[in-house]
């Protein structure tokens, strides 16, 4: 499946983000693990993610 075609559909985007692992603090959200498809999706929609 081509990721570019998947991103066109909201349901597919939500499916990609379904297993996103984060720790939520008072003023920050720290992403713990990103899959390759999640990285591509964030890049496509313009979200900057710093992995620690």
Protein backbone atom coordinates (compact mmCIF):
# COMPACT_ATOMS: atom_id res chain seq x y z
CA UNK A 1 0.00 0.00 0.00
CA UNK A 2 1.22 3.44 -0.86
CA UNK A 3 1.38 5.77 2.16
CA UNK A 4 0.62 8.81 -0.01
CA UNK A 5 -2.76 7.32 -0.97
CA UNK A 6 -3.48 6.33 2.65
CA UNK A 7 -2.98 9.88 3.93
CA UNK A 8 -5.76 11.14 1.66
CA UNK A 9 -8.26 9.31 3.85
CA UNK A 10 -8.85 10.46 7.44
CA UNK A 11 -9.65 6.95 8.61
CA UNK A 12 -6.31 5.65 7.34
CA UNK A 13 -4.45 8.54 9.01
CA UNK A 14 -6.14 7.76 12.32
CA UNK A 15 -5.31 4.09 11.89
CA UNK A 16 -1.63 5.00 11.41
CA UNK A 17 -1.69 7.12 14.59
CA UNK A 18 -3.67 4.61 16.62
CA UNK A 19 -0.64 3.13 18.37
CA UNK A 20 1.29 6.37 18.90
CA UNK A 21 3.12 6.12 22.23
CA UNK A 22 3.63 9.32 24.22
CA UNK A 23 4.25 10.50 27.76
CA UNK A 24 2.19 13.53 28.73
CA UNK A 25 3.63 16.01 31.22
CA UNK A 26 2.26 19.29 32.52
CA UNK A 27 3.67 21.39 29.67
CA UNK A 28 5.14 18.82 27.25
CA UNK A 29 4.24 15.73 25.29
CA UNK A 30 7.16 13.37 24.67
CA UNK A 31 6.90 10.90 21.81
CA UNK A 32 8.43 7.58 22.80
CA UNK A 33 8.35 5.55 19.59
CA UNK A 34 7.46 6.39 16.01
CA UNK A 35 6.90 3.94 13.20
CA UNK A 36 8.06 4.72 9.69
CA UNK A 37 4.48 5.46 8.57
CA UNK A 38 3.89 7.79 11.54
CA UNK A 39 7.06 9.72 10.66
CA UNK A 40 5.90 10.08 7.06
CA UNK A 41 2.43 11.20 8.15
CA UNK A 42 3.79 13.85 10.52
CA UNK A 43 6.12 15.13 7.81
CA UNK A 44 3.25 15.31 5.31
CA UNK A 45 0.98 17.31 7.63
CA UNK A 46 3.78 19.55 8.91
CA UNK A 47 4.05 18.42 12.53
CA UNK A 48 7.53 18.70 14.04
CA UNK A 49 8.36 15.80 16.33
CA UNK A 50 11.50 15.68 18.49
CA UNK A 51 12.26 12.16 19.66
CA UNK A 52 14.01 11.83 22.99
